[in-house]
Amino acid sequence: MFYKLNFLQHIWRHIRLVGLLPYFSLLVLILPLLLFTSGHNSLIAHDEGLYASRARLMFDSGNWIAPWDKAHHKTPGPYWLIASFYKLFGISDTTARLPSMIAGIFSLLFVYEIGKIILGKKLAWLATVILSLEFLWLQYCRLSTPDVPMVFLVLLAIWSLIKTELHPKYHYFWSFIAGLSFGLGFLIRSFMIFLPIIALLPYLIWEHRRHRHLTNPFLYLGFFVGLIPTCVWLWLSWLHYGNQSFEELFKFVVQQGSNDHYDNGLFFYVWNILLKAFPWAFFGILGLLLTVQHPIERYHLILVGFPFILFGEISFFNTRLSHYSLCLYPFIALFASVGLNWLGNIYQTETHLQLPLKKEKINLLNIFAKKNLPRNLSYSFGGLGVLLIIASIVVLSWGGSDIRKYATIGLAMGLGWLVLPVVWIGRYHLGKKFLTTRYWIAGWLIPCWLALAAMGSIGLLSDYNPVLRTFLQEPAIASIIQSNPVYFVQIDAKTKVLLNFYLSSRPRQVASISQLPALSYALIYANQSSTLSRPYRILATVKEYLFIQILF
């Protein structure tokens, strides 16, 4: 029999050993979420289209310093990164997203390494999986924006600072890497990198007697080395634009900090994080309470102080956007692993865990434990799963084609939530003692993984503008736009941004329809066609626009 051959048994043993490695198991869970698509991709406007199109302008023009008509308001790191991938793999929306995907994978691995040092291997692995299942985090790992690369650099810096303490023999090297990460962070995200730096100050200052980071010259050397690319760009840009190069950088920060363009209130991040990190934000709150009650020696100001101060910074910063909070999501995952593990211990022992506090103090966590929270959560989310399944079946049976794809997500999540009550009933009513904490925690991970995998598979995480994509891919239209310039009079900013990326030659704007050249091609609003006195023919209709050719 072949399975008895020694070399096959040897290979099988090695496969089993590899399967136990945390990195391998994490990649097996994470990569499908990053790669699942409907087979089609299209950029989302506004930010993703801006970064992808600006990088294309650099690549097409060959001018990676000053391709703009006037001085630019952001540092060029994201554009250089995306344009470098264009050079390696060609121009496409998938290529534009590769830097964020790669940075996202390494960020997850750094979360595991940081969590392993602070919380232990078990909670570190759980936190890494939870982070990959947080919706906003996964979404931005699949967008061509600089947010996830910046988080990667911040996590690298934090990990390096921790490694400096663990390995004093190499403290110069690790301090240099930490400083370099922050310096490169300015190239990637401009002045936004100073928010996490400020959030680390309590750890750097109050724990200085122990780690001596602030008196380590290699920390500052790394920071200044990381600033060299930005300084070179600023100097070359200054030669081209003059003082405007510096003015635009500072003006943008002042405008963002003084005006709330999106009318998001002071508590925007409270409800936004609870929604976009559901259900992990609730476990994160529980884990935060546990961590505050039992401070982790040496790293408490990193684990608790850093996200607390960063949350305050972005909340009081007048421009409040979802992706500004992305640097908090790794810490939400770390706290969630603590909270979920605590509930798992209650599930495993079927006893009410007590936390040591003084008798005169009220311990809300003990009150929750006495109410048998794991059982109640199991039944509650199982009930939610049943409702989702019923609603999904109804939508699949009688709903329109546009809404049916969302029913697939609901069905996947609903079926996953049923794992929780099934595991609880199996252990405590049917006597299946093999259903340990691992199975119960898996009951939380599975539905979120299935839902996000379903979202990726139907294109909700990759194909954001299918109508425009379909229009541009039509053979007749594609042959025209590849060899002819396209004009427009007035189109919305988001469509303009996307066309700047997808068209081989950048679209040309004219002040009025009467200025369109003869035999030219143009994209105009459908209601503008009545004002066009010159003969034209309609080639296609896309959204509220007409694609026309001026005959003469």
Protein backbone atom coordinates (compact mmCIF):
# COMPACT_ATOMS: atom_id res chain seq x y z
CA MET A 1 0.00 0.00 0.00
CA PHE A 2 1.29 3.46 -0.98
CA TYR A 3 0.39 5.08 2.34
CA LYS A 4 2.81 2.71 4.07
CA LEU A 5 5.79 3.96 2.11
CA ASN A 6 8.26 5.67 4.41
CA PHE A 7 8.79 8.76 2.28
CA LEU A 8 5.01 9.38 2.07
CA GLN A 9 4.70 9.03 5.83
CA HIS A 10 7.62 11.43 6.21
CA ILE A 11 5.92 13.99 3.93
CA TRP A 12 2.63 13.59 5.78
CA ARG A 13 4.31 14.23 9.14
CA HIS A 14 5.86 17.42 7.78
CA ILE A 15 2.52 18.57 6.36
CA ARG A 16 0.93 18.10 9.77
CA LEU A 17 3.73 20.04 11.44
CA VAL A 18 3.39 22.90 8.95
CA GLY A 19 -0.35 22.96 9.57
CA LEU A 20 0.32 23.66 13.21
CA LEU A 21 2.45 26.70 12.47
CA PRO A 22 0.53 29.86 13.35
CA TYR A 23 1.69 31.78 10.28
CA PHE A 24 0.50 29.05 7.95
CA SER A 25 -2.92 28.75 9.58
CA LEU A 26 -3.32 32.55 9.63
CA LEU A 27 -2.51 32.84 5.92
CA VAL A 28 -4.93 30.03 5.09
CA LEU A 29 -7.71 32.02 6.79
CA ILE A 30 -6.69 35.49 5.58
CA LEU A 31 -5.66 35.07 1.94
CA PRO A 32 -9.07 33.93 0.63
CA LEU A 33 -10.68 37.03 2.15
CA LEU A 34 -8.17 39.22 0.32
CA LEU A 35 -8.42 37.37 -3.00
CA PHE A 36 -12.08 36.37 -3.41
CA THR A 37 -13.72 38.36 -6.23
CA SER A 38 -16.56 37.99 -8.68
CA GLY A 39 -13.95 37.96 -11.46
CA HIS A 40 -14.28 41.71 -12.02
CA ASN A 41 -12.67 44.70 -10.40
CA SER A 42 -13.37 48.42 -10.50
CA LEU A 43 -12.14 51.25 -8.33
CA ILE A 44 -14.20 53.11 -5.79
CA ALA A 45 -14.29 56.89 -5.93
CA HIS A 46 -13.30 59.17 -4.43
CA ASP A 47 -10.03 58.44 -2.58
CA GLU A 48 -9.07 55.16 -4.22
CA GLY A 49 -9.56 56.58 -7.69
CA LEU A 50 -7.52 59.66 -6.78
CA TYR A 51 -4.49 57.70 -5.58
CA ALA A 52 -4.62 55.26 -8.50
CA SER A 53 -5.04 58.01 -11.13
CA ARG A 54 -2.34 60.26 -9.65
CA ALA A 55 0.06 57.32 -9.60
CA ARG A 56 -0.84 56.65 -13.24
CA LEU A 57 -0.13 60.29 -14.11
CA MET A 58 3.34 59.89 -12.60
CA PHE A 59 3.91 56.63 -14.43
CA ASP A 60 2.63 57.79 -17.83
CA SER A 61 4.43 61.13 -17.70
CA GLY A 62 7.68 59.70 -16.35
CA ASN A 63 7.75 62.64 -13.94
CA TRP A 64 7.68 61.26 -10.40
CA ILE A 65 8.44 64.57 -8.73
CA ALA A 66 6.23 67.31 -10.16
CA PRO A 67 3.67 66.04 -12.69
CA TRP A 68 1.01 68.47 -11.39
CA ASP A 69 0.06 71.86 -12.80
CA LYS A 70 0.59 73.32 -9.34
CA ALA A 71 2.28 72.19 -6.13
CA HIS A 72 0.67 69.11 -4.60
CA HIS A 73 -0.82 69.04 -1.11
CA LYS A 74 0.30 65.52 -0.15
CA THR A 75 3.60 63.70 0.12
CA PRO A 76 4.21 61.36 -2.85
CA GLY A 77 4.83 58.08 -1.00
CA PRO A 78 1.53 56.39 -1.94
CA TYR A 79 1.86 57.43 -5.58
CA TRP A 80 5.45 56.17 -5.79
CA LEU A 81 4.41 52.88 -4.21
CA ILE A 82 1.49 52.31 -6.60
CA ALA A 83 3.41 53.53 -9.64
CA SER A 84 6.24 51.10 -8.78
CA PHE A 85 3.75 48.26 -8.93
CA TYR A 86 2.47 49.60 -12.28
CA LYS A 87 6.03 49.32 -13.54
CA LEU A 88 6.34 45.75 -12.28
CA PHE A 89 2.93 44.34 -13.20
CA GLY A 90 1.29 46.81 -15.57
CA ILE A 91 -1.51 49.31 -15.04
CA SER A 92 -4.73 47.85 -13.63
CA ASP A 93 -7.04 48.33 -10.68
CA THR A 94 -5.78 45.05 -9.21
CA THR A 95 -2.16 46.24 -9.43
CA ALA A 96 -3.10 49.51 -7.74
CA ARG A 97 -4.46 47.55 -4.79
CA LEU A 98 -1.49 45.21 -4.35
CA PRO A 99 0.50 47.53 -2.01
CA SER A 100 -2.39 47.69 0.45
CA MET A 101 -2.93 43.93 0.27
CA ILE A 102 0.73 43.20 0.98
CA ALA A 103 0.87 45.81 3.75
CA GLY A 104 -2.31 44.30 5.21
CA ILE A 105 -0.81 40.81 5.35
CA PHE A 106 2.35 42.04 7.06
CA SER A 107 0.29 44.18 9.45
CA LEU A 108 -1.61 41.09 10.53
CA LEU A 109 1.62 39.23 11.14
CA PHE A 110 2.97 42.14 13.21
CA VAL A 111 -0.23 42.12 15.25
CA TYR A 112 0.45 38.45 15.94
CA GLU A 113 4.04 39.19 16.97
CA ILE A 114 3.03 42.12 19.21
CA GLY A 115 0.16 40.14 20.71
CA LYS A 116 2.42 37.13 21.30
CA ILE A 117 4.73 39.27 23.43
CA ILE A 118 2.01 41.12 25.33
CA LEU A 119 -0.83 38.56 25.60
CA GLY A 120 0.65 35.20 24.65
CA LYS A 121 0.46 33.02 21.53
CA LYS A 122 -3.15 31.91 21.95
CA LEU A 123 -4.64 35.40 22.25
CA ALA A 124 -2.24 36.76 19.61
CA TRP A 125 -3.50 34.21 17.07
CA LEU A 126 -7.11 34.96 17.96
CA ALA A 127 -6.54 38.73 17.73
CA THR A 128 -4.98 38.38 14.29
CA VAL A 129 -7.92 36.39 12.98
CA ILE A 130 -10.37 38.88 14.50
CA LEU A 131 -8.56 41.80 12.82
CA SER A 132 -8.87 40.10 9.44
CA LEU A 133 -12.62 39.75 10.10
CA GLU A 134 -13.20 43.44 10.88
CA PHE A 135 -15.10 44.83 7.89
CA LEU A 136 -13.43 48.25 7.58
CA TRP A 137 -9.97 46.74 7.96
CA LEU A 138 -10.57 44.12 5.27
CA GLN A 139 -12.13 46.69 2.95
CA TYR A 140 -9.13 49.02 3.14
CA CYS A 141 -6.72 46.12 2.69
CA ARG A 142 -8.35 45.84 -0.73
CA LEU A 143 -8.24 49.53 -1.69
CA SER A 144 -5.42 51.52 -3.29
CA THR A 145 -5.11 54.03 -0.46
CA PRO A 146 -2.20 54.77 1.92
CA ASP A 147 -4.08 53.98 5.14
CA VAL A 148 -3.09 50.34 5.59
CA PRO A 149 0.57 50.96 4.57
CA MET A 150 0.71 53.64 7.28
CA VAL A 151 -0.75 51.24 9.87
CA PHE A 152 1.87 48.70 8.79
CA LEU A 153 4.65 51.22 9.51
CA VAL A 154 3.14 52.13 12.90
CA LEU A 155 2.89 48.47 13.91
CA LEU A 156 6.45 47.87 12.71
CA ALA A 157 7.62 50.78 14.87
CA ILE A 158 5.77 49.52 17.94
CA TRP A 159 7.08 45.99 17.44
CA SER A 160 10.62 47.35 17.04
CA LEU A 161 10.34 49.35 20.27
CA ILE A 162 9.20 46.22 22.10
CA LYS A 163 12.04 44.19 20.54
CA THR A 164 14.46 46.84 21.75
CA GLU A 165 13.43 46.03 25.33
CA LEU A 166 13.54 42.27 24.80
CA HIS A 167 16.94 42.24 23.10
CA PRO A 168 19.15 44.96 24.62
CA LYS A 169 22.11 43.58 22.70
CA TYR A 170 20.51 44.75 19.44
CA HIS A 171 18.78 47.85 20.81
CA TYR A 172 20.55 50.16 18.35
CA PHE A 173 19.27 48.17 15.38
CA TRP A 174 15.67 47.93 16.60
CA SER A 175 15.59 51.61 17.62
CA PHE A 176 16.82 52.54 14.15
CA ILE A 177 14.01 50.47 12.56
CA ALA A 178 11.42 52.16 14.79
CA GLY A 179 12.63 55.64 13.84
CA LEU A 180 12.90 54.68 10.17
CA SER A 181 9.28 53.47 10.21
CA PHE A 182 8.03 56.80 11.54
CA GLY A 183 10.17 58.73 9.06
CA LEU A 184 8.82 56.71 6.13
CA GLY A 185 5.35 57.19 7.61
CA PHE A 186 5.65 60.91 6.82
CA LEU A 187 6.39 60.03 3.18
CA ILE A 188 3.29 57.81 3.07
CA ARG A 189 0.78 59.85 5.10
CA SER A 190 2.29 63.29 5.61
CA PHE A 191 1.51 64.95 8.96
CA MET A 192 -1.01 62.24 9.88
CA ILE A 193 1.91 60.09 11.08
CA PHE A 194 2.37 62.45 14.03
CA LEU A 195 -0.94 61.32 15.54
CA PRO A 196 0.35 57.80 16.42
CA ILE A 197 3.71 59.27 17.42
CA ILE A 198 1.96 61.56 19.94
CA ALA A 199 -0.15 58.61 21.14
CA LEU A 200 3.09 56.77 22.00
CA LEU A 201 4.49 59.63 24.08
CA PRO A 202 3.12 58.38 27.45
CA TYR A 203 4.91 55.07 26.89
CA LEU A 204 8.08 56.80 25.69
CA ILE A 205 8.15 59.36 28.52
CA TRP A 206 6.70 57.63 31.60
CA GLU A 207 8.53 54.35 30.97
CA HIS A 208 11.75 56.07 29.95
CA ARG A 209 13.69 54.98 33.04
CA ARG A 210 13.19 51.39 31.99
CA HIS A 211 13.64 51.38 28.21
CA ARG A 212 15.66 54.59 27.54
CA HIS A 213 14.23 54.98 24.02
CA LEU A 214 14.31 58.77 24.06
CA THR A 215 18.04 58.90 24.74
CA ASN A 216 18.87 56.37 22.04
CA PRO A 217 20.47 58.33 19.16
CA PHE A 218 19.65 55.57 16.67
CA LEU A 219 15.92 56.23 17.12
CA TYR A 220 16.42 59.78 15.85
CA LEU A 221 18.91 58.68 13.21
CA GLY A 222 16.36 56.23 11.81
CA PHE A 223 13.69 58.95 11.80
CA PHE A 224 15.88 61.38 9.85
CA VAL A 225 16.97 58.66 7.42
CA GLY A 226 13.27 57.89 6.85
CA LEU A 227 12.68 61.58 6.10
CA ILE A 228 15.37 61.71 3.39
CA PRO A 229 13.04 60.70 0.48
CA THR A 230 10.52 63.34 1.57
CA CYS A 231 13.22 66.00 1.91
CA VAL A 232 14.61 65.18 -1.55
CA TRP A 233 11.12 65.39 -3.04
CA LEU A 234 10.43 68.70 -1.27
CA TRP A 235 13.69 70.17 -2.54
CA LEU A 236 13.07 69.11 -6.14
CA SER A 237 9.46 70.24 -5.88
CA TRP A 238 10.62 73.59 -4.50
CA LEU A 239 12.88 74.02 -7.52
CA HIS A 240 9.79 73.57 -9.71
CA TYR A 241 7.05 75.33 -7.74
CA GLY A 242 8.90 77.52 -5.26
CA ASN A 243 7.55 78.09 -1.74
CA GLN A 244 4.14 76.84 -2.83
CA SER A 245 5.43 73.29 -2.27
CA PHE A 246 5.64 73.89 1.49
CA GLU A 247 2.54 76.08 1.64
CA GLU A 248 0.28 73.41 0.12
CA LEU A 249 1.39 70.75 2.61
CA PHE A 250 0.67 72.96 5.62
CA LYS A 251 -2.49 74.47 4.12
CA PHE A 252 -4.03 71.03 3.64
CA VAL A 253 -3.40 70.07 7.28
CA VAL A 254 -4.88 73.37 8.52
CA GLN A 255 -7.96 72.97 6.34
CA GLN A 256 -8.53 69.39 7.44
CA GLY A 257 -8.05 70.29 11.09
CA SER A 258 -10.24 73.40 11.13
CA ASN A 259 -13.22 72.43 8.98
CA ASP A 260 -15.63 69.52 9.26
CA HIS A 261 -16.45 69.09 5.58
CA TYR A 262 -18.55 65.98 6.21
CA ASP A 263 -20.57 67.19 9.21
CA ASN A 264 -19.57 64.20 11.36
CA GLY A 265 -20.09 64.95 15.03
CA LEU A 266 -17.77 64.52 17.99
CA PHE A 267 -19.05 60.98 18.64
CA PHE A 268 -18.73 59.87 15.03
CA TYR A 269 -16.08 57.24 15.77
CA VAL A 270 -18.09 55.73 18.62
CA TRP A 271 -20.98 54.53 16.49
CA ASN A 272 -18.84 54.10 13.35
CA ILE A 273 -16.40 51.69 15.01
CA LEU A 274 -19.21 49.78 16.73
CA LEU A 275 -20.84 49.33 13.32
CA LYS A 276 -17.81 48.61 11.13
CA ALA A 277 -16.08 46.36 13.63
CA PHE A 278 -19.26 44.44 14.58
CA PRO A 279 -19.40 42.27 16.64
CA TRP A 280 -15.74 42.55 17.66
CA ALA A 281 -15.99 46.10 19.00
CA PHE A 282 -18.33 44.87 21.76
CA PHE A 283 -15.89 42.12 22.73
CA GLY A 284 -13.20 44.80 22.54
CA ILE A 285 -15.00 46.92 25.13
CA LEU A 286 -15.19 43.88 27.41
CA GLY A 287 -11.50 43.15 26.83
CA LEU A 288 -10.61 46.78 27.54
CA LEU A 289 -12.40 46.63 30.89
CA LEU A 290 -10.57 43.43 31.76
CA THR A 291 -7.23 44.90 30.72
CA VAL A 292 -7.79 48.09 32.70
CA GLN A 293 -8.65 46.04 35.80
CA HIS A 294 -5.58 43.87 35.30
CA PRO A 295 -2.88 46.09 33.78
CA ILE A 296 -0.27 44.26 31.76
CA GLU A 297 3.14 44.94 33.19
CA ARG A 298 5.54 46.97 31.02
CA TYR A 299 3.21 47.25 28.03
CA HIS A 300 0.05 48.76 29.53
CA LEU A 301 0.77 52.19 28.02
CA ILE A 302 1.10 50.60 24.57
CA LEU A 303 -1.91 48.30 24.77
CA VAL A 304 -4.27 50.76 26.50
CA GLY A 305 -2.61 54.19 26.45
CA PHE A 306 -1.84 54.28 22.73
CA PRO A 307 -5.36 53.56 21.38
CA PHE A 308 -7.00 55.70 24.09
CA ILE A 309 -4.95 58.80 23.17
CA LEU A 310 -5.23 58.14 19.44
CA PHE A 311 -9.01 57.86 19.75
CA GLY A 312 -9.08 61.23 21.49
CA GLU A 313 -6.85 62.81 18.83
CA ILE A 314 -8.94 61.75 15.85
CA SER A 315 -12.18 62.59 17.69
CA PHE A 316 -11.11 66.19 18.33
CA PHE A 317 -9.65 66.53 14.81
CA ASN A 318 -12.43 68.36 12.95
CA THR A 319 -12.37 66.22 9.81
CA ARG A 320 -13.67 62.82 10.89
CA LEU A 321 -13.63 59.95 8.41
CA SER A 322 -13.90 56.20 8.91
CA HIS A 323 -10.42 55.40 7.62
CA TYR A 324 -8.79 57.80 10.07
CA SER A 325 -9.62 55.23 12.77
CA LEU A 326 -7.93 52.28 11.02
CA CYS A 327 -4.91 52.47 13.34
CA LEU A 328 -7.28 51.59 16.21
CA TYR A 329 -8.52 48.36 14.65
CA PRO A 330 -5.49 46.19 15.54
CA PHE A 331 -5.98 47.19 19.19
CA ILE A 332 -9.72 46.54 19.00
CA ALA A 333 -8.79 43.03 17.84
CA LEU A 334 -6.32 42.58 20.70
CA PHE A 335 -8.93 43.67 23.25
CA ALA A 336 -11.58 41.51 21.57
CA SER A 337 -9.35 38.45 21.92
CA VAL A 338 -9.08 39.14 25.66
CA GLY A 339 -12.84 39.56 26.03
CA LEU A 340 -13.74 36.55 23.91
CA ASN A 341 -11.20 34.37 25.71
CA TRP A 342 -12.67 35.43 29.08
CA LEU A 343 -16.14 34.42 27.91
CA GLY A 344 -14.69 31.20 26.54
CA ASN A 345 -13.33 30.35 29.98
CA ILE A 346 -16.82 30.78 31.43
CA TYR A 347 -18.20 28.55 28.69
CA GLN A 348 -15.57 25.87 29.31
CA THR A 349 -15.97 25.61 33.09
CA GLU A 350 -19.68 26.41 33.31
CA THR A 351 -18.79 28.43 36.40
CA HIS A 352 -19.01 32.10 37.13
CA LEU A 353 -15.50 33.54 36.96
CA GLN A 354 -14.75 36.08 39.64
CA LEU A 355 -12.34 38.93 39.18
CA PRO A 356 -10.36 39.95 42.27
CA LEU A 357 -11.56 43.36 43.41
CA LYS A 358 -12.12 44.95 46.75
CA LYS A 359 -15.43 43.99 48.29
CA GLU A 360 -16.67 47.56 48.50
CA LYS A 361 -16.32 47.95 44.72
CA ILE A 362 -18.99 46.79 42.32
CA ASN A 363 -17.61 44.52 39.62
CA LEU A 364 -19.86 44.75 36.59
CA LEU A 365 -17.95 42.00 34.84
CA ASN A 366 -18.77 39.56 37.63
CA ILE A 367 -22.43 40.55 37.35
CA PHE A 368 -22.34 39.75 33.63
CA ALA A 369 -20.63 36.44 34.32
CA LYS A 370 -23.24 35.44 36.87
CA LYS A 371 -25.93 35.97 34.23
CA ASN A 372 -24.19 33.26 32.18
CA LEU A 373 -23.41 35.59 29.34
CA PRO A 374 -21.92 32.93 27.00
CA ARG A 375 -25.18 30.94 27.08
CA ASN A 376 -27.32 34.03 26.50
CA LEU A 377 -25.11 35.24 23.67
CA SER A 378 -25.20 31.79 22.06
CA TYR A 379 -28.98 31.70 22.01
CA SER A 380 -29.34 35.37 21.04
CA PHE A 381 -27.06 35.16 18.04
CA GLY A 382 -28.51 31.78 17.12
CA GLY A 383 -31.92 33.48 17.02
CA LEU A 384 -30.43 36.26 14.92
CA GLY A 385 -29.07 33.60 12.59
CA VAL A 386 -32.54 32.07 12.16
CA LEU A 387 -33.99 35.49 11.32
CA LEU A 388 -31.24 36.13 8.79
CA ILE A 389 -31.84 32.75 7.14
CA ILE A 390 -35.58 33.34 6.87
CA ALA A 391 -35.11 36.88 5.53
CA SER A 392 -32.51 35.67 3.03
CA ILE A 393 -34.74 32.88 1.74
CA VAL A 394 -37.60 35.35 1.27
CA VAL A 395 -35.36 37.77 -0.62
CA LEU A 396 -33.89 34.99 -2.78
CA SER A 397 -37.38 33.77 -3.64
CA TRP A 398 -39.15 37.05 -4.33
CA GLY A 399 -36.56 39.84 -4.29
CA GLY A 400 -35.09 41.65 -7.28
CA SER A 401 -31.73 40.78 -8.79
CA ASP A 402 -30.03 43.78 -7.16
CA ILE A 403 -30.95 42.75 -3.63
CA ARG A 404 -30.44 39.00 -4.02
CA LYS A 405 -26.67 39.31 -3.78
CA TYR A 406 -27.08 40.80 -0.30
CA ALA A 407 -29.28 37.87 0.66
CA THR A 408 -26.32 35.58 -0.03
CA ILE A 409 -24.35 37.42 2.65
CA GLY A 410 -27.24 37.18 5.11
CA LEU A 411 -27.65 33.47 4.42
CA ALA A 412 -23.93 32.79 4.97
CA MET A 413 -23.86 34.73 8.23
CA GLY A 414 -27.16 33.25 9.44
CA LEU A 415 -25.99 29.69 8.92
CA GLY A 416 -22.75 30.55 10.69
CA TRP A 417 -24.49 31.99 13.76
CA LEU A 418 -26.33 28.68 14.22
CA VAL A 419 -23.01 27.13 15.25
CA LEU A 420 -23.16 28.93 18.62
CA PRO A 421 -26.40 27.40 20.04
CA VAL A 422 -25.58 24.04 18.45
CA VAL A 423 -22.23 23.91 20.26
CA TRP A 424 -23.78 25.05 23.56
CA ILE A 425 -26.63 22.54 23.38
CA GLY A 426 -24.28 19.77 22.31
CA ARG A 427 -21.98 20.32 25.30
CA TYR A 428 -24.44 21.08 28.10
CA HIS A 429 -27.61 19.27 27.04
CA LEU A 430 -26.32 16.34 25.00
CA GLY A 431 -23.17 15.73 27.03
CA LYS A 432 -20.69 16.17 24.14
CA LYS A 433 -17.74 17.26 26.27
CA PHE A 434 -15.39 17.39 23.28
CA LEU A 435 -17.12 20.66 22.31
CA THR A 436 -14.58 22.79 24.14
CA THR A 437 -13.93 26.53 24.11
CA ARG A 438 -12.29 26.25 20.71
CA TYR A 439 -15.55 25.17 19.13
CA TRP A 440 -17.50 27.95 20.83
CA ILE A 441 -15.00 30.62 19.76
CA ALA A 442 -15.03 29.15 16.26
CA GLY A 443 -18.78 29.75 16.34
CA TRP A 444 -18.01 33.48 16.47
CA LEU A 445 -15.32 33.42 13.80
CA ILE A 446 -17.07 31.24 11.22
CA PRO A 447 -20.12 33.44 10.46
CA CYS A 448 -18.02 36.58 10.02
CA TRP A 449 -15.57 34.73 7.78
CA LEU A 450 -18.41 33.31 5.67
CA ALA A 451 -20.11 36.70 5.36
CA LEU A 452 -16.93 38.50 4.30
CA ALA A 453 -16.03 35.66 1.92
CA ALA A 454 -19.50 35.96 0.37
CA MET A 455 -19.07 39.72 0.03
CA GLY A 456 -15.78 39.20 -1.76
CA SER A 457 -17.13 36.46 -4.01
CA ILE A 458 -20.00 38.62 -5.33
CA GLY A 459 -17.76 41.63 -5.89
CA LEU A 460 -18.83 43.90 -3.05
CA LEU A 461 -15.21 44.28 -1.91
CA SER A 462 -13.68 44.68 -5.36
CA ASP A 463 -16.18 45.77 -8.03
CA TYR A 464 -17.45 49.15 -6.85
CA ASN A 465 -18.45 50.64 -10.23
CA PRO A 466 -19.69 47.75 -12.38
CA VAL A 467 -21.80 49.99 -14.65
CA LEU A 468 -18.85 52.18 -15.64
CA ARG A 469 -16.59 49.13 -15.93
CA THR A 470 -19.03 47.40 -18.29
CA PHE A 471 -19.32 50.55 -20.40
CA LEU A 472 -15.56 50.94 -20.76
CA GLN A 473 -15.08 47.24 -21.58
CA GLU A 474 -17.58 47.18 -24.47
CA PRO A 475 -15.49 46.37 -27.56
CA ALA A 476 -16.84 49.28 -29.63
CA ILE A 477 -16.30 51.79 -26.82
CA ALA A 478 -12.91 50.38 -25.83
CA SER A 479 -11.56 50.73 -29.39
CA ILE A 480 -12.64 54.40 -29.46
CA ILE A 481 -11.27 55.50 -26.10
CA GLN A 482 -7.96 53.72 -26.64
CA SER A 483 -7.16 55.73 -29.77
CA ASN A 484 -9.08 58.99 -29.33
CA PRO A 485 -9.26 61.73 -26.69
CA VAL A 486 -12.50 62.01 -24.74
CA TYR A 487 -14.00 65.40 -23.84
CA PHE A 488 -16.46 66.36 -21.16
CA VAL A 489 -18.19 69.56 -20.14
CA GLN A 490 -19.53 68.96 -16.67
CA ILE A 491 -19.39 65.60 -14.98
CA ASP A 492 -19.39 64.78 -11.30
CA ALA A 493 -16.02 64.70 -9.56
CA LYS A 494 -16.09 60.97 -8.78
CA THR A 495 -16.71 59.93 -12.39
CA LYS A 496 -13.98 62.31 -13.53
CA VAL A 497 -11.51 60.71 -11.10
CA LEU A 498 -12.31 57.22 -12.35
CA LEU A 499 -12.01 58.25 -16.00
CA ASN A 500 -8.60 59.79 -15.25
CA PHE A 501 -7.47 56.31 -14.28
CA TYR A 502 -9.24 54.12 -16.81
CA LEU A 503 -8.73 56.16 -19.98
CA SER A 504 -5.36 55.76 -21.67
CA SER A 505 -5.29 59.51 -22.36
CA ARG A 506 -6.64 61.81 -19.67
CA PRO A 507 -10.09 63.26 -20.51
CA ARG A 508 -10.13 66.86 -21.66
CA GLN A 509 -12.49 69.40 -20.17
CA VAL A 510 -14.14 72.20 -22.14
CA ALA A 511 -16.14 75.12 -20.80
CA SER A 512 -19.28 74.54 -22.92
CA ILE A 513 -20.71 72.03 -25.36
CA SER A 514 -20.22 74.47 -28.23
CA GLN A 515 -16.44 74.12 -27.80
CA LEU A 516 -16.40 70.42 -28.64
CA PRO A 517 -14.26 69.86 -31.78
CA ALA A 518 -15.76 68.25 -34.88
CA LEU A 519 -15.63 64.44 -35.00
CA SER A 520 -14.67 64.39 -31.31
CA TYR A 521 -16.02 62.06 -28.65
CA ALA A 522 -17.59 63.40 -25.49
CA LEU A 523 -19.32 62.33 -22.30
CA ILE A 524 -22.16 64.68 -21.40
CA TYR A 525 -25.14 64.69 -19.08
CA ALA A 526 -28.24 63.36 -20.83
CA ASN A 527 -30.13 66.60 -20.09
CA GLN A 528 -27.37 68.59 -21.83
CA SER A 529 -28.12 67.00 -25.18
CA SER A 530 -31.09 69.35 -25.72
CA THR A 531 -28.72 72.34 -25.64
CA LEU A 532 -26.42 70.88 -28.29
CA SER A 533 -27.31 72.47 -31.64
CA ARG A 534 -24.67 70.63 -33.64
CA PRO A 535 -25.34 67.18 -35.15
CA TYR A 536 -24.20 64.25 -33.07
CA ARG A 537 -24.80 60.55 -32.64
CA ILE A 538 -25.26 58.64 -29.40
CA LEU A 539 -22.81 55.76 -29.03
CA ALA A 540 -23.78 54.56 -25.55
CA THR A 541 -25.61 55.47 -22.39
CA VAL A 542 -23.97 55.04 -18.99
CA LYS A 543 -25.68 56.10 -15.77
CA GLU A 544 -26.95 59.67 -16.33
CA TYR A 545 -24.49 60.32 -19.17
CA LEU A 546 -24.49 60.03 -22.94
CA PHE A 547 -21.36 59.07 -24.84
CA ILE A 548 -21.61 60.91 -28.14
CA GLN A 549 -19.65 61.79 -31.26
CA ILE A 550 -19.88 65.28 -32.70
CA LEU A 551 -20.39 64.80 -36.45
CA PHE A 552 -19.29 68.25 -37.68
